[in-house]
């Protein structure tokens, strides 16, 4: 694993809040759901919607451009905007990354 710092303290990311950060040259969306911190790509894999502009409800992250819904914890597609039941459909999952907190700072494991 290659852990990289986000520069964001765990205390500053409140439950129900999303935040986009640059980790090296990658745009990553971090979201806190209860005590857990999740990280996914900040850009929707379908048509490039900026996921930080979307809505977070629990683990459900909705793309602001076309309404696809992803599980912010796993990246899985929960709802395809075209009415096709996952795992079939035209929307790919969003990449997700493991997180951890070291010395109070959130780190992400990027490939």
C-alpha atoms as a PDB file:
ATOM      1  CA  UNK A   1       0.000   0.000   0.000  1.00  0.00           C
ATOM      2  CA  UNK A   2       1.112   3.508  -0.748  1.00  0.00           C
ATOM      3  CA  UNK A   3      -0.480   5.874   1.742  1.00  0.00           C
ATOM      4  CA  UNK A   4      -0.568   9.546   0.790  1.00  0.00           C
ATOM      5  CA  UNK A   5      -1.567  12.418   3.029  1.00  0.00           C
ATOM      6  CA  UNK A   6      -4.573  14.544   2.138  1.00  0.00           C
ATOM      7  CA  UNK A   7      -3.554  17.363   4.447  1.00  0.00           C
ATOM      8  CA  UNK A   8      -7.046  17.259   5.963  1.00  0.00           C
ATOM      9  CA  UNK A   9      -7.461  16.577   9.659  1.00  0.00           C
ATOM     10  CA  UNK A  10     -10.064  14.015  10.611  1.00  0.00           C
ATOM     11  CA  UNK A  11     -11.655  16.480  13.045  1.00  0.00           C
ATOM     12  CA  UNK A  12     -12.235  19.050  10.292  1.00  0.00           C
ATOM     13  CA  UNK A  13     -14.303  16.658   8.140  1.00  0.00           C
ATOM     14  CA  UNK A  14     -17.665  16.506   9.893  1.00  0.00           C
ATOM     15  CA  UNK A  15     -20.242  13.717   9.391  1.00  0.00           C
ATOM     16  CA  UNK A  16     -22.340  14.235   6.266  1.00  0.00           C
ATOM     17  CA  UNK A  17     -19.743  16.526   4.679  1.00  0.00           C
ATOM     18  CA  UNK A  18     -17.844  16.048   1.400  1.00  0.00           C
ATOM     19  CA  UNK A  19     -14.580  17.715   0.466  1.00  0.00           C
ATOM     20  CA  UNK A  20     -12.513  17.597  -2.708  1.00  0.00           C
ATOM     21  CA  UNK A  21      -8.738  17.450  -2.297  1.00  0.00           C
ATOM     22  CA  UNK A  22      -5.783  17.063  -4.619  1.00  0.00           C
ATOM     23  CA  UNK A  23      -3.627  14.106  -3.634  1.00  0.00           C
ATOM     24  CA  UNK A  24      -0.505  14.437  -5.717  1.00  0.00           C
ATOM     25  CA  UNK A  25      -2.094  15.026  -9.154  1.00  0.00           C
ATOM     26  CA  UNK A  26      -5.367  13.187  -8.456  1.00  0.00           C
ATOM     27  CA  UNK A  27      -8.650  14.870  -7.558  1.00  0.00           C
ATOM     28  CA  UNK A  28     -10.232  12.874  -4.717  1.00  0.00           C
ATOM     29  CA  UNK A  29     -13.584  13.333  -3.001  1.00  0.00           C
ATOM     30  CA  UNK A  30     -13.545  12.554   0.709  1.00  0.00           C
ATOM     31  CA  UNK A  31     -16.787  12.048   2.577  1.00  0.00           C
ATOM     32  CA  UNK A  32     -17.491  11.357   6.218  1.00  0.00           C
ATOM     33  CA  UNK A  33     -20.429   9.106   7.011  1.00  0.00           C
ATOM     34  CA  UNK A  34     -20.767   8.743  10.772  1.00  0.00           C
ATOM     35  CA  UNK A  35     -17.325   7.849  12.104  1.00  0.00           C
ATOM     36  CA  UNK A  36     -16.070   6.536   8.742  1.00  0.00           C
ATOM     37  CA  UNK A  37     -14.134   8.492   6.102  1.00  0.00           C
ATOM     38  CA  UNK A  38     -14.422   7.359   2.487  1.00  0.00           C
ATOM     39  CA  UNK A  39     -12.530   8.431  -0.644  1.00  0.00           C
ATOM     40  CA  UNK A  40     -13.582   8.139  -4.290  1.00  0.00           C
ATOM     41  CA  UNK A  41     -12.611   9.783  -7.566  1.00  0.00           C
ATOM     42  CA  UNK A  42     -14.035  13.314  -7.673  1.00  0.00           C
ATOM     43  CA  UNK A  43     -15.171  12.967 -11.309  1.00  0.00           C
ATOM     44  CA  UNK A  44     -18.097  10.812 -12.403  1.00  0.00           C
ATOM     45  CA  UNK A  45     -16.914   8.063 -14.780  1.00  0.00           C
ATOM     46  CA  UNK A  46     -19.971   8.494 -17.014  1.00  0.00           C
ATOM     47  CA  UNK A  47     -19.848  12.031 -18.434  1.00  0.00           C
ATOM     48  CA  UNK A  48     -17.409  13.786 -16.143  1.00  0.00           C
ATOM     49  CA  UNK A  49     -19.748  15.367 -13.602  1.00  0.00           C
ATOM     50  CA  UNK A  50     -17.996  16.890 -10.606  1.00  0.00           C
ATOM     51  CA  UNK A  51     -19.139  14.687  -7.742  1.00  0.00           C
ATOM     52  CA  UNK A  52     -18.290  17.290  -5.059  1.00  0.00           C
ATOM     53  CA  UNK A  53     -21.150  19.341  -6.577  1.00  0.00           C
ATOM     54  CA  UNK A  54     -23.522  16.403  -6.045  1.00  0.00           C
ATOM     55  CA  UNK A  55     -25.562  15.423  -3.018  1.00  0.00           C
ATOM     56  CA  UNK A  56     -24.578  13.110  -0.184  1.00  0.00           C
ATOM     57  CA  UNK A  57     -27.299  11.312   1.783  1.00  0.00           C
ATOM     58  CA  UNK A  58     -25.800   8.689   4.050  1.00  0.00           C
ATOM     59  CA  UNK A  59     -23.567   6.646   1.762  1.00  0.00           C
ATOM     60  CA  UNK A  60     -25.559   7.653  -1.355  1.00  0.00           C
ATOM     61  CA  UNK A  61     -23.663  10.099  -3.582  1.00  0.00           C
ATOM     62  CA  UNK A  62     -25.697  11.544  -6.466  1.00  0.00           C
ATOM     63  CA  UNK A  63     -23.994  12.914  -9.582  1.00  0.00           C
ATOM     64  CA  UNK A  64     -25.145  16.497 -10.268  1.00  0.00           C
ATOM     65  CA  UNK A  65     -25.180  16.044 -14.066  1.00  0.00           C
ATOM     66  CA  UNK A  66     -27.247  12.937 -14.700  1.00  0.00           C
ATOM     67  CA  UNK A  67     -28.457  11.643 -11.344  1.00  0.00           C
ATOM     68  CA  UNK A  68     -26.533   8.376 -11.143  1.00  0.00           C
ATOM     69  CA  UNK A  69     -26.186   7.309  -7.519  1.00  0.00           C
ATOM     70  CA  UNK A  70     -23.017   5.727  -6.146  1.00  0.00           C
ATOM     71  CA  UNK A  71     -22.139   4.131  -2.813  1.00  0.00           C
ATOM     72  CA  UNK A  72     -19.468   6.509  -1.516  1.00  0.00           C
ATOM     73  CA  UNK A  73     -17.938   3.654   0.485  1.00  0.00           C
ATOM     74  CA  UNK A  74     -17.473   1.164  -2.353  1.00  0.00           C
ATOM     75  CA  UNK A  75     -17.983   3.179  -5.539  1.00  0.00           C
ATOM     76  CA  UNK A  76     -20.746   0.792  -6.657  1.00  0.00           C
ATOM     77  CA  UNK A  77     -23.605   2.090  -8.810  1.00  0.00           C
ATOM     78  CA  UNK A  78     -26.791   2.118  -6.715  1.00  0.00           C
ATOM     79  CA  UNK A  79     -29.075   3.737  -9.283  1.00  0.00           C
ATOM     80  CA  UNK A  80     -28.561   4.106 -13.016  1.00  0.00           C
ATOM     81  CA  UNK A  81     -30.206   7.266 -14.400  1.00  0.00           C
ATOM     82  CA  UNK A  82     -31.386   5.317 -17.451  1.00  0.00           C
ATOM     83  CA  UNK A  83     -33.568   2.944 -15.437  1.00  0.00           C
ATOM     84  CA  UNK A  84     -31.299  -0.070 -15.935  1.00  0.00           C
ATOM     85  CA  UNK A  85     -30.800  -2.130 -12.795  1.00  0.00           C
ATOM     86  CA  UNK A  86     -27.173  -2.359 -11.612  1.00  0.00           C
ATOM     87  CA  UNK A  87     -24.869  -4.115 -12.234  1.00  0.00           C
ATOM     88  CA  UNK A  88     -26.042  -3.777 -15.854  1.00  0.00           C
ATOM     89  CA  UNK A  89     -26.310  -0.344 -17.379  1.00  0.00           C
ATOM     90  CA  UNK A  90     -24.358   2.461 -18.950  1.00  0.00           C
ATOM     91  CA  UNK A  91     -22.729   3.843 -15.821  1.00  0.00           C
ATOM     92  CA  UNK A  92     -19.482   2.393 -14.492  1.00  0.00           C
ATOM     93  CA  UNK A  93     -18.668   2.376 -10.762  1.00  0.00           C
ATOM     94  CA  UNK A  94     -16.575   5.237  -9.438  1.00  0.00           C
ATOM     95  CA  UNK A  95     -13.102   4.264  -8.202  1.00  0.00           C
ATOM     96  CA  UNK A  96     -12.845   4.095  -4.408  1.00  0.00           C
ATOM     97  CA  UNK A  97      -9.755   4.143  -2.215  1.00  0.00           C
ATOM     98  CA  UNK A  98      -8.967   2.957   1.316  1.00  0.00           C
ATOM     99  CA  UNK A  99      -8.489   5.646   3.951  1.00  0.00           C
ATOM    100  CA  UNK A 100      -6.906   5.793   7.381  1.00  0.00           C
ATOM    101  CA  UNK A 101      -6.132   8.426   9.984  1.00  0.00           C
ATOM    102  CA  UNK A 102      -2.505   8.857  11.053  1.00  0.00           C
ATOM    103  CA  UNK A 103      -1.567  11.474  13.658  1.00  0.00           C
ATOM    104  CA  UNK A 104      -5.017  13.033  13.162  1.00  0.00           C
ATOM    105  CA  UNK A 105      -4.605  13.489   9.386  1.00  0.00           C
ATOM    106  CA  UNK A 106      -6.587  11.550   6.750  1.00  0.00           C
ATOM    107  CA  UNK A 107      -4.486   9.471   4.369  1.00  0.00           C
ATOM    108  CA  UNK A 108      -5.589   7.774   1.142  1.00  0.00           C
ATOM    109  CA  UNK A 109      -4.125   4.689  -0.495  1.00  0.00           C
ATOM    110  CA  UNK A 110      -3.865   5.481  -4.197  1.00  0.00           C
ATOM    111  CA  UNK A 111      -2.572   2.987  -6.755  1.00  0.00           C
END
